[in-house]
């Protein structure tokens, strides 16, 4: 099986998370049964981020509800440890406008029926971080077709962790949802 403590220690060593309190580490180890080593590793990484610095879990299926792209920007902001601070976020005629660090941005999400355009939002958020010359980006962890999980980290370090612990690095943000959307459009 995966040495769970080794995964947490590696995240700390790479500076991706602070040292978790001992109780958080103990609780996580007890709460997971035997799964594939890759699944355990990836879930441990998500849990370690969630316990220490936070992660963004987004339900990308909106169903019949209205689009709430400004809410997504708030979610990313809340989990950015103060690095991403969008202001005046508004969604007008299919375009998201926002300001960050004195710069104006626009994000034009595609119409994907009952799905949010995660790729467009992620690109805009990470572009704002890049424009400030910050090394951190929101990096994806696999969570399935409906839930997307992002952690704020230095991408190269996350790819290194993914390679060392054999889980898929940064999945394409919309691949499962786009396949579903295309299937729905053709039926």
N, C-alpha and C. Protein backbone atom coordinates (compact mmCIF):
# COMPACT_ATOMS: atom_id res chain seq x y z
N UNK A 1 0.81 -1.19 0.00
CA UNK A 1 0.00 0.00 0.00
C UNK A 1 0.86 1.26 0.00
N UNK A 2 0.21 2.38 -0.11
CA UNK A 2 0.88 3.67 -0.12
C UNK A 2 1.25 4.06 1.31
N UNK A 3 2.46 4.53 1.50
CA UNK A 3 2.87 5.04 2.80
C UNK A 3 2.29 6.44 2.92
N UNK A 4 1.16 6.53 3.59
CA UNK A 4 0.42 7.79 3.67
C UNK A 4 1.24 8.91 4.30
N UNK A 5 1.98 8.56 5.34
CA UNK A 5 2.79 9.58 6.01
C UNK A 5 3.86 10.12 5.06
N UNK A 6 4.38 9.26 4.19
CA UNK A 6 5.40 9.69 3.24
C UNK A 6 4.83 10.71 2.25
N UNK A 7 3.56 10.54 1.84
CA UNK A 7 2.92 11.49 0.93
C UNK A 7 2.81 12.86 1.61
N UNK A 8 2.31 12.88 2.84
CA UNK A 8 2.16 14.15 3.57
C UNK A 8 3.54 14.79 3.77
N UNK A 9 4.52 13.99 4.17
CA UNK A 9 5.87 14.52 4.40
C UNK A 9 6.45 15.13 3.12
N UNK A 10 6.17 14.50 1.97
CA UNK A 10 6.68 15.02 0.69
C UNK A 10 6.02 16.34 0.34
N UNK A 11 4.72 16.47 0.59
CA UNK A 11 4.03 17.74 0.33
C UNK A 11 4.61 18.85 1.19
N UNK A 12 4.93 18.54 2.43
CA UNK A 12 5.53 19.52 3.33
C UNK A 12 6.94 19.87 2.84
N UNK A 13 7.71 18.84 2.49
CA UNK A 13 9.08 19.05 2.02
C UNK A 13 9.14 19.95 0.79
N UNK A 14 8.19 19.81 -0.12
CA UNK A 14 8.15 20.62 -1.33
C UNK A 14 7.54 22.01 -1.09
N UNK A 15 7.11 22.27 0.13
CA UNK A 15 6.54 23.57 0.45
C UNK A 15 5.12 23.76 -0.06
N UNK A 16 4.44 22.67 -0.39
CA UNK A 16 3.08 22.78 -0.91
C UNK A 16 2.05 22.97 0.20
N UNK A 17 2.33 22.43 1.37
CA UNK A 17 1.45 22.60 2.53
C UNK A 17 2.31 22.81 3.77
N UNK A 18 1.75 23.45 4.81
CA UNK A 18 2.47 23.50 6.08
C UNK A 18 2.33 22.15 6.79
N UNK A 19 3.07 21.96 7.84
CA UNK A 19 2.96 20.72 8.60
C UNK A 19 1.56 20.64 9.21
N UNK A 20 0.81 19.59 8.87
CA UNK A 20 -0.54 19.46 9.46
C UNK A 20 -0.45 19.15 10.95
N UNK A 21 -1.46 19.53 11.70
CA UNK A 21 -1.46 19.15 13.11
C UNK A 21 -1.49 17.63 13.22
N UNK A 22 -0.85 17.06 14.22
CA UNK A 22 -0.80 15.59 14.33
C UNK A 22 -2.18 14.93 14.28
N UNK A 23 -3.17 15.54 14.89
CA UNK A 23 -4.50 14.93 14.90
C UNK A 23 -5.07 14.83 13.48
N UNK A 24 -4.85 15.83 12.64
CA UNK A 24 -5.36 15.79 11.27
C UNK A 24 -4.73 14.64 10.51
N UNK A 25 -3.44 14.43 10.67
CA UNK A 25 -2.76 13.34 9.98
C UNK A 25 -3.30 12.00 10.47
N UNK A 26 -3.47 11.85 11.77
CA UNK A 26 -3.96 10.61 12.36
C UNK A 26 -5.37 10.32 11.90
N UNK A 27 -6.24 11.32 11.93
CA UNK A 27 -7.62 11.14 11.49
C UNK A 27 -7.68 10.67 10.05
N UNK A 28 -6.85 11.24 9.18
CA UNK A 28 -6.91 10.85 7.78
C UNK A 28 -6.49 9.40 7.61
N UNK A 29 -5.41 9.00 8.26
CA UNK A 29 -4.92 7.64 8.11
C UNK A 29 -5.99 6.64 8.55
N UNK A 30 -6.71 6.94 9.63
CA UNK A 30 -7.75 6.03 10.11
C UNK A 30 -8.98 6.02 9.22
N UNK A 31 -9.24 7.10 8.48
CA UNK A 31 -10.51 7.22 7.76
C UNK A 31 -10.50 6.56 6.39
N UNK A 32 -9.38 6.02 5.94
CA UNK A 32 -9.33 5.42 4.61
C UNK A 32 -8.94 3.96 4.67
N UNK A 33 -9.75 3.12 4.06
CA UNK A 33 -9.46 1.69 3.98
C UNK A 33 -8.49 1.43 2.85
N UNK A 34 -8.36 0.20 2.48
CA UNK A 34 -7.44 -0.17 1.41
C UNK A 34 -8.05 0.15 0.05
N UNK A 35 -7.39 1.00 -0.70
CA UNK A 35 -7.77 1.36 -2.06
C UNK A 35 -6.51 1.23 -2.90
N UNK A 36 -6.62 1.50 -4.21
CA UNK A 36 -5.42 1.46 -5.04
C UNK A 36 -4.44 2.50 -4.51
N UNK A 37 -3.14 2.24 -4.62
CA UNK A 37 -2.17 3.23 -4.14
C UNK A 37 -2.34 4.60 -4.79
N UNK A 38 -2.66 4.66 -6.09
CA UNK A 38 -2.85 5.95 -6.76
C UNK A 38 -4.05 6.69 -6.19
N UNK A 39 -5.17 5.97 -5.96
CA UNK A 39 -6.37 6.61 -5.42
C UNK A 39 -6.11 7.12 -4.01
N UNK A 40 -5.42 6.33 -3.20
CA UNK A 40 -5.10 6.75 -1.84
C UNK A 40 -4.20 7.98 -1.88
N UNK A 41 -3.18 7.96 -2.73
CA UNK A 41 -2.25 9.08 -2.82
C UNK A 41 -2.95 10.36 -3.22
N UNK A 42 -3.77 10.28 -4.25
CA UNK A 42 -4.44 11.49 -4.72
C UNK A 42 -5.44 11.99 -3.69
N UNK A 43 -6.19 11.11 -3.06
CA UNK A 43 -7.14 11.54 -2.05
C UNK A 43 -6.39 12.10 -0.84
N UNK A 44 -5.26 11.54 -0.51
CA UNK A 44 -4.47 12.07 0.59
C UNK A 44 -3.97 13.47 0.27
N UNK A 45 -3.52 13.70 -0.95
CA UNK A 45 -3.07 15.04 -1.36
C UNK A 45 -4.22 16.03 -1.22
N UNK A 46 -5.40 15.65 -1.72
CA UNK A 46 -6.57 16.53 -1.61
C UNK A 46 -6.92 16.80 -0.15
N UNK A 47 -6.91 15.76 0.65
CA UNK A 47 -7.24 15.92 2.07
C UNK A 47 -6.18 16.77 2.78
N UNK A 48 -4.91 16.56 2.46
CA UNK A 48 -3.84 17.35 3.09
C UNK A 48 -4.00 18.83 2.77
N UNK A 49 -4.32 19.15 1.52
CA UNK A 49 -4.57 20.55 1.15
C UNK A 49 -5.80 21.07 1.87
N UNK A 50 -6.88 20.29 1.84
CA UNK A 50 -8.14 20.71 2.45
C UNK A 50 -7.97 20.99 3.94
N UNK A 51 -7.21 20.15 4.62
CA UNK A 51 -7.00 20.28 6.06
C UNK A 51 -6.11 21.46 6.42
N UNK A 52 -5.14 21.79 5.56
CA UNK A 52 -4.14 22.80 5.91
C UNK A 52 -4.37 24.15 5.26
N UNK A 53 -4.49 24.20 3.96
CA UNK A 53 -4.57 25.49 3.26
C UNK A 53 -5.82 25.64 2.40
N UNK A 54 -6.56 24.56 2.22
CA UNK A 54 -7.81 24.63 1.48
C UNK A 54 -7.70 24.15 0.05
N UNK A 55 -8.85 23.80 -0.49
CA UNK A 55 -8.96 23.44 -1.89
C UNK A 55 -10.33 23.90 -2.37
N UNK A 56 -10.48 24.01 -3.65
CA UNK A 56 -11.74 24.44 -4.25
C UNK A 56 -12.41 23.23 -4.87
N UNK A 57 -13.56 22.83 -4.33
CA UNK A 57 -14.38 21.78 -4.92
C UNK A 57 -15.57 22.46 -5.58
N UNK A 58 -15.73 22.22 -6.88
CA UNK A 58 -16.80 22.87 -7.64
C UNK A 58 -17.71 21.84 -8.28
N UNK A 59 -19.00 22.02 -8.11
CA UNK A 59 -19.97 21.20 -8.82
C UNK A 59 -20.18 21.87 -10.17
N UNK A 60 -19.68 21.25 -11.22
CA UNK A 60 -19.71 21.89 -12.53
C UNK A 60 -20.99 21.60 -13.32
N UNK A 61 -21.91 20.87 -12.69
CA UNK A 61 -23.20 20.62 -13.31
C UNK A 61 -24.21 21.58 -12.71
N UNK A 62 -24.70 22.50 -13.51
CA UNK A 62 -25.62 23.50 -12.97
C UNK A 62 -27.06 23.04 -13.06
N UNK A 63 -27.33 22.02 -13.84
CA UNK A 63 -28.70 21.55 -14.00
C UNK A 63 -29.55 22.65 -14.61
N UNK A 64 -30.68 22.92 -13.98
CA UNK A 64 -31.60 23.94 -14.49
C UNK A 64 -31.39 25.30 -13.81
N UNK A 65 -30.46 25.38 -12.87
CA UNK A 65 -30.24 26.63 -12.15
C UNK A 65 -29.53 27.68 -13.00
N UNK A 66 -29.55 28.92 -12.55
CA UNK A 66 -28.86 29.97 -13.28
C UNK A 66 -27.34 29.82 -13.15
N UNK A 67 -26.63 30.33 -14.12
CA UNK A 67 -25.17 30.32 -14.07
C UNK A 67 -24.69 31.28 -12.98
N UNK A 68 -23.76 30.85 -12.17
CA UNK A 68 -23.21 31.69 -11.11
C UNK A 68 -21.69 31.76 -11.23
N UNK A 69 -21.21 32.27 -12.34
CA UNK A 69 -19.76 32.41 -12.50
C UNK A 69 -19.14 33.34 -11.46
N UNK A 70 -19.79 34.45 -11.08
CA UNK A 70 -19.19 35.28 -10.02
C UNK A 70 -18.97 34.49 -8.72
N UNK A 71 -19.87 33.57 -8.40
CA UNK A 71 -19.69 32.72 -7.22
C UNK A 71 -18.46 31.85 -7.33
N UNK A 72 -18.18 31.38 -8.52
CA UNK A 72 -16.97 30.57 -8.72
C UNK A 72 -15.72 31.40 -8.47
N UNK A 73 -15.72 32.64 -8.94
CA UNK A 73 -14.56 33.51 -8.71
C UNK A 73 -14.38 33.75 -7.21
N UNK A 74 -15.49 33.90 -6.47
CA UNK A 74 -15.40 34.04 -5.01
C UNK A 74 -14.79 32.79 -4.38
N UNK A 75 -15.19 31.61 -4.86
CA UNK A 75 -14.63 30.36 -4.34
C UNK A 75 -13.12 30.30 -4.55
N UNK A 76 -12.67 30.62 -5.74
CA UNK A 76 -11.23 30.61 -6.00
C UNK A 76 -10.52 31.64 -5.11
N UNK A 77 -11.13 32.80 -4.95
CA UNK A 77 -10.53 33.84 -4.11
C UNK A 77 -10.40 33.37 -2.66
N UNK A 78 -11.44 32.74 -2.14
CA UNK A 78 -11.42 32.27 -0.75
C UNK A 78 -10.33 31.24 -0.50
N UNK A 79 -9.98 30.46 -1.50
CA UNK A 79 -8.96 29.42 -1.32
C UNK A 79 -7.59 29.84 -1.83
N UNK A 80 -7.41 31.11 -2.12
CA UNK A 80 -6.14 31.56 -2.71
C UNK A 80 -5.15 32.09 -1.69
N UNK A 81 -5.48 32.03 -0.40
CA UNK A 81 -4.59 32.55 0.64
C UNK A 81 -4.22 34.01 0.37
N UNK A 82 -5.17 34.76 -0.19
CA UNK A 82 -4.97 36.18 -0.45
C UNK A 82 -4.22 36.50 -1.73
N UNK A 83 -3.88 35.50 -2.52
CA UNK A 83 -3.12 35.75 -3.76
C UNK A 83 -4.01 36.16 -4.93
N UNK A 84 -5.25 35.73 -4.94
CA UNK A 84 -6.19 36.07 -6.01
C UNK A 84 -7.34 36.84 -5.36
N UNK A 85 -7.44 38.13 -5.71
CA UNK A 85 -8.43 39.01 -5.08
C UNK A 85 -9.25 39.74 -6.16
N UNK A 86 -10.17 39.02 -6.80
CA UNK A 86 -10.96 39.68 -7.85
C UNK A 86 -11.94 40.67 -7.24
N UNK A 87 -12.14 41.76 -7.95
CA UNK A 87 -13.10 42.79 -7.53
C UNK A 87 -14.06 43.05 -8.68
N UNK A 88 -15.23 43.57 -8.33
CA UNK A 88 -16.24 43.95 -9.33
C UNK A 88 -16.51 42.81 -10.32
N UNK A 89 -16.67 41.61 -9.81
CA UNK A 89 -16.96 40.46 -10.67
C UNK A 89 -18.42 40.52 -11.08
N UNK A 90 -18.65 40.46 -12.38
CA UNK A 90 -20.01 40.49 -12.88
C UNK A 90 -20.11 39.63 -14.14
N UNK A 91 -21.28 39.07 -14.34
CA UNK A 91 -21.56 38.20 -15.48
C UNK A 91 -22.64 38.89 -16.30
N UNK A 92 -22.24 39.41 -17.46
CA UNK A 92 -23.14 40.21 -18.30
C UNK A 92 -23.13 39.66 -19.72
N UNK A 93 -24.30 39.30 -20.19
CA UNK A 93 -24.46 38.82 -21.58
C UNK A 93 -23.45 37.73 -21.94
N UNK A 94 -23.27 36.78 -21.02
CA UNK A 94 -22.39 35.64 -21.30
C UNK A 94 -20.91 35.90 -21.10
N UNK A 95 -20.55 37.05 -20.57
CA UNK A 95 -19.14 37.39 -20.35
C UNK A 95 -18.94 37.73 -18.88
N UNK A 96 -17.87 37.19 -18.30
CA UNK A 96 -17.51 37.52 -16.92
C UNK A 96 -16.44 38.61 -16.97
N UNK A 97 -16.70 39.70 -16.27
CA UNK A 97 -15.74 40.79 -16.16
C UNK A 97 -15.28 40.84 -14.71
N UNK A 98 -13.98 41.11 -14.51
CA UNK A 98 -13.49 41.29 -13.16
C UNK A 98 -12.19 42.09 -13.20
N UNK A 99 -11.85 42.61 -12.06
CA UNK A 99 -10.59 43.35 -11.91
C UNK A 99 -9.78 42.65 -10.84
N UNK A 100 -8.46 42.64 -11.06
CA UNK A 100 -7.57 42.02 -10.08
C UNK A 100 -6.27 42.80 -10.11
N UNK A 101 -5.87 43.33 -8.96
CA UNK A 101 -4.62 44.10 -8.84
C UNK A 101 -4.55 45.23 -9.86
N UNK A 102 -5.67 45.93 -10.06
CA UNK A 102 -5.71 47.08 -10.94
C UNK A 102 -5.83 46.77 -12.43
N UNK A 103 -5.91 45.50 -12.79
CA UNK A 103 -6.06 45.11 -14.20
C UNK A 103 -7.47 44.61 -14.45
N UNK A 104 -7.95 44.93 -15.64
CA UNK A 104 -9.29 44.47 -16.04
C UNK A 104 -9.15 43.16 -16.82
N UNK A 105 -10.06 42.23 -16.53
CA UNK A 105 -10.06 40.92 -17.21
C UNK A 105 -11.47 40.63 -17.70
N UNK A 106 -11.52 39.77 -18.71
CA UNK A 106 -12.80 39.26 -19.18
C UNK A 106 -12.63 37.78 -19.46
N UNK A 107 -13.68 37.06 -19.21
CA UNK A 107 -13.70 35.62 -19.39
C UNK A 107 -14.97 35.31 -20.18
N UNK A 108 -14.82 34.63 -21.29
CA UNK A 108 -15.97 34.32 -22.13
C UNK A 108 -16.25 32.82 -22.12
N UNK A 109 -17.00 32.37 -21.12
CA UNK A 109 -17.31 30.94 -21.04
C UNK A 109 -18.18 30.48 -22.21
N UNK A 110 -17.88 29.28 -22.69
CA UNK A 110 -18.69 28.69 -23.76
C UNK A 110 -20.04 28.27 -23.19
N UNK A 111 -21.03 28.21 -24.05
CA UNK A 111 -22.35 27.70 -23.68
C UNK A 111 -22.27 26.17 -23.73
N UNK A 112 -22.35 25.54 -22.56
CA UNK A 112 -22.24 24.09 -22.49
C UNK A 112 -23.52 23.46 -21.92
N UNK A 113 -24.63 24.07 -22.21
CA UNK A 113 -25.89 23.51 -21.73
C UNK A 113 -25.96 23.56 -20.21
N UNK A 114 -26.09 22.41 -19.60
CA UNK A 114 -26.24 22.35 -18.15
C UNK A 114 -24.91 22.26 -17.40
N UNK A 115 -23.81 22.51 -18.10
CA UNK A 115 -22.48 22.45 -17.49
C UNK A 115 -21.83 23.83 -17.50
N UNK A 116 -21.03 24.09 -16.48
CA UNK A 116 -20.21 25.30 -16.47
C UNK A 116 -18.98 25.10 -17.34
N UNK A 117 -18.45 26.17 -17.89
CA UNK A 117 -17.22 26.12 -18.67
C UNK A 117 -16.04 26.33 -17.71
N UNK A 118 -15.62 25.27 -17.10
CA UNK A 118 -14.55 25.31 -16.12
C UNK A 118 -13.23 25.78 -16.73
N UNK A 119 -12.92 25.34 -17.94
CA UNK A 119 -11.65 25.68 -18.57
C UNK A 119 -11.49 27.19 -18.72
N UNK A 120 -12.54 27.88 -19.13
CA UNK A 120 -12.47 29.34 -19.31
C UNK A 120 -12.22 30.05 -17.98
N UNK A 121 -12.91 29.62 -16.93
CA UNK A 121 -12.74 30.24 -15.62
C UNK A 121 -11.33 30.00 -15.10
N UNK A 122 -10.89 28.76 -15.18
CA UNK A 122 -9.55 28.41 -14.70
C UNK A 122 -8.47 29.20 -15.44
N UNK A 123 -8.64 29.34 -16.73
CA UNK A 123 -7.67 30.10 -17.53
C UNK A 123 -7.62 31.56 -17.08
N UNK A 124 -8.77 32.17 -16.83
CA UNK A 124 -8.81 33.57 -16.40
C UNK A 124 -8.19 33.75 -15.01
N UNK A 125 -8.53 32.85 -14.09
CA UNK A 125 -7.99 32.94 -12.73
C UNK A 125 -6.47 32.78 -12.75
N UNK A 126 -6.00 31.75 -13.45
CA UNK A 126 -4.56 31.51 -13.50
C UNK A 126 -3.82 32.61 -14.26
N UNK A 127 -4.48 33.21 -15.24
CA UNK A 127 -3.86 34.33 -15.97
C UNK A 127 -3.63 35.52 -15.03
N UNK A 128 -4.59 35.78 -14.16
CA UNK A 128 -4.44 36.89 -13.20
C UNK A 128 -3.27 36.61 -12.25
N UNK A 129 -3.11 35.37 -11.83
CA UNK A 129 -1.96 35.01 -10.98
C UNK A 129 -0.65 35.17 -11.74
N UNK A 130 -0.65 34.72 -12.99
CA UNK A 130 0.55 34.83 -13.83
C UNK A 130 0.92 36.28 -14.08
N UNK A 131 -0.07 37.13 -14.33
CA UNK A 131 0.20 38.55 -14.60
C UNK A 131 0.84 39.24 -13.40
N UNK A 132 0.67 38.69 -12.23
CA UNK A 132 1.29 39.25 -11.02
C UNK A 132 2.65 38.60 -10.75
N UNK A 133 3.13 37.78 -11.69
CA UNK A 133 4.42 37.08 -11.56
C UNK A 133 4.46 36.15 -10.35
N UNK A 134 3.33 35.59 -10.00
CA UNK A 134 3.28 34.62 -8.91
C UNK A 134 3.53 33.22 -9.47
N UNK A 135 4.24 32.36 -8.76
CA UNK A 135 4.49 31.01 -9.27
C UNK A 135 3.30 30.07 -9.09
N UNK A 136 2.39 30.40 -8.19
CA UNK A 136 1.26 29.52 -7.90
C UNK A 136 0.19 29.61 -8.97
N UNK A 137 -0.46 28.47 -9.18
CA UNK A 137 -1.62 28.38 -10.06
C UNK A 137 -2.61 27.41 -9.39
N UNK A 138 -3.85 27.48 -9.80
CA UNK A 138 -4.80 26.47 -9.37
C UNK A 138 -4.60 25.25 -10.26
N UNK A 139 -4.30 24.13 -9.61
CA UNK A 139 -3.97 22.88 -10.28
C UNK A 139 -5.05 21.86 -9.96
N UNK A 140 -5.48 21.12 -10.97
CA UNK A 140 -6.57 20.18 -10.79
C UNK A 140 -6.15 18.84 -10.22
N UNK A 141 -7.05 18.27 -9.44
CA UNK A 141 -6.95 16.90 -8.97
C UNK A 141 -8.20 16.17 -9.46
N UNK A 142 -8.06 14.95 -9.89
CA UNK A 142 -9.17 14.18 -10.43
C UNK A 142 -10.24 13.97 -9.37
N UNK A 143 -11.50 14.31 -9.70
CA UNK A 143 -12.61 14.09 -8.76
C UNK A 143 -13.82 13.50 -9.46
N UNK A 144 -13.78 13.30 -10.76
CA UNK A 144 -14.92 12.73 -11.47
C UNK A 144 -15.52 13.73 -12.43
N UNK A 145 -16.60 13.31 -13.07
CA UNK A 145 -17.20 14.11 -14.14
C UNK A 145 -17.95 15.33 -13.62
N UNK A 146 -18.48 15.27 -12.40
CA UNK A 146 -19.32 16.37 -11.93
C UNK A 146 -18.62 17.30 -10.95
N UNK A 147 -17.67 16.80 -10.19
CA UNK A 147 -16.98 17.62 -9.19
C UNK A 147 -15.56 17.86 -9.66
N UNK A 148 -15.16 19.11 -9.65
CA UNK A 148 -13.79 19.48 -9.99
C UNK A 148 -13.11 19.96 -8.71
N UNK A 149 -11.87 19.55 -8.50
CA UNK A 149 -11.12 19.93 -7.31
C UNK A 149 -9.85 20.63 -7.74
N UNK A 150 -9.59 21.80 -7.16
CA UNK A 150 -8.39 22.57 -7.46
C UNK A 150 -7.68 22.98 -6.19
N UNK A 151 -6.35 22.90 -6.24
CA UNK A 151 -5.52 23.35 -5.13
C UNK A 151 -4.58 24.43 -5.67
N UNK A 152 -4.25 25.38 -4.82
CA UNK A 152 -3.32 26.44 -5.21
C UNK A 152 -1.91 25.95 -4.89
N UNK A 153 -1.11 25.80 -5.93
CA UNK A 153 0.22 25.23 -5.76
C UNK A 153 1.11 25.63 -6.93
N UNK A 154 2.37 25.38 -6.80
CA UNK A 154 3.31 25.57 -7.91
C UNK A 154 3.16 24.33 -8.80
N UNK A 155 2.72 24.51 -10.05
CA UNK A 155 2.39 23.37 -10.90
C UNK A 155 3.50 22.33 -11.04
N UNK A 156 4.73 22.77 -11.19
CA UNK A 156 5.83 21.81 -11.37
C UNK A 156 5.97 20.91 -10.14
N UNK A 157 5.75 21.47 -8.97
CA UNK A 157 5.85 20.67 -7.75
C UNK A 157 4.69 19.68 -7.65
N UNK A 158 3.51 20.08 -8.08
CA UNK A 158 2.38 19.15 -8.07
C UNK A 158 2.59 18.02 -9.08
N UNK A 159 3.15 18.33 -10.25
CA UNK A 159 3.44 17.27 -11.22
C UNK A 159 4.48 16.30 -10.66
N UNK A 160 5.43 16.84 -9.91
CA UNK A 160 6.45 16.00 -9.29
C UNK A 160 5.80 15.04 -8.28
N UNK A 161 4.91 15.55 -7.44
CA UNK A 161 4.20 14.72 -6.47
C UNK A 161 3.36 13.67 -7.19
N UNK A 162 2.65 14.07 -8.24
CA UNK A 162 1.82 13.13 -9.00
C UNK A 162 2.68 12.00 -9.58
N UNK A 163 3.84 12.35 -10.11
CA UNK A 163 4.73 11.33 -10.67
C UNK A 163 5.28 10.40 -9.60
N UNK A 164 5.67 10.96 -8.48
CA UNK A 164 6.25 10.15 -7.40
C UNK A 164 5.24 9.19 -6.80
N UNK A 165 3.97 9.60 -6.74
CA UNK A 165 2.97 8.78 -6.08
C UNK A 165 1.95 8.20 -7.06
N UNK A 166 2.29 8.27 -8.35
CA UNK A 166 1.58 7.54 -9.40
C UNK A 166 0.09 7.84 -9.49
N UNK A 167 -0.27 9.14 -9.48
CA UNK A 167 -1.65 9.49 -9.79
C UNK A 167 -1.64 10.48 -10.93
N UNK A 168 -2.74 10.58 -11.68
CA UNK A 168 -2.75 11.43 -12.87
C UNK A 168 -2.58 12.90 -12.52
N UNK A 169 -1.62 13.57 -13.15
CA UNK A 169 -1.45 15.00 -12.89
C UNK A 169 -2.50 15.82 -13.63
N UNK A 170 -2.93 16.88 -13.01
CA UNK A 170 -3.80 17.89 -13.60
C UNK A 170 -4.61 17.42 -14.80
N UNK A 171 -5.80 16.87 -14.54
CA UNK A 171 -6.64 16.44 -15.65
C UNK A 171 -7.11 17.63 -16.48
N UNK A 172 -7.43 17.38 -17.72
CA UNK A 172 -8.02 18.43 -18.56
C UNK A 172 -9.29 18.90 -17.88
N UNK A 173 -9.46 20.20 -17.68
CA UNK A 173 -10.57 20.69 -16.86
C UNK A 173 -11.95 20.30 -17.34
N UNK A 174 -12.14 20.14 -18.62
CA UNK A 174 -13.50 19.91 -19.11
C UNK A 174 -13.69 18.60 -19.85
N UNK A 175 -12.68 17.76 -19.95
CA UNK A 175 -12.79 16.57 -20.80
C UNK A 175 -14.03 15.72 -20.50
N UNK A 176 -14.27 15.29 -19.25
CA UNK A 176 -15.44 14.44 -19.01
C UNK A 176 -16.75 15.17 -19.30
N UNK A 177 -16.82 16.45 -18.97
CA UNK A 177 -18.05 17.20 -19.16
C UNK A 177 -18.30 17.49 -20.64
N UNK A 178 -17.24 17.77 -21.39
CA UNK A 178 -17.43 18.05 -22.81
C UNK A 178 -17.92 16.80 -23.55
N UNK A 179 -17.40 15.64 -23.18
CA UNK A 179 -17.89 14.41 -23.80
C UNK A 179 -19.39 14.23 -23.52
N UNK A 180 -19.79 14.49 -22.29
CA UNK A 180 -21.21 14.36 -21.93
C UNK A 180 -22.06 15.39 -22.67
N UNK A 181 -21.56 16.63 -22.76
CA UNK A 181 -22.30 17.69 -23.45
C UNK A 181 -22.47 17.33 -24.93
N UNK A 182 -21.42 16.86 -25.56
CA UNK A 182 -21.51 16.47 -26.99
C UNK A 182 -22.50 15.33 -27.18
N UNK A 183 -22.47 14.37 -26.27
CA UNK A 183 -23.42 13.26 -26.36
C UNK A 183 -24.85 13.75 -26.22
N UNK A 184 -25.08 14.69 -25.31
CA UNK A 184 -26.44 15.22 -25.11
C UNK A 184 -26.90 16.00 -26.34
N UNK A 185 -25.98 16.73 -26.98
CA UNK A 185 -26.34 17.53 -28.16
C UNK A 185 -26.71 16.66 -29.34
N UNK A 186 -26.10 15.49 -29.48
CA UNK A 186 -26.33 14.65 -30.66
C UNK A 186 -27.52 13.71 -30.47
N UNK A 187 -28.09 13.67 -29.25
CA UNK A 187 -29.25 12.78 -29.06
C UNK A 187 -30.54 13.55 -29.13
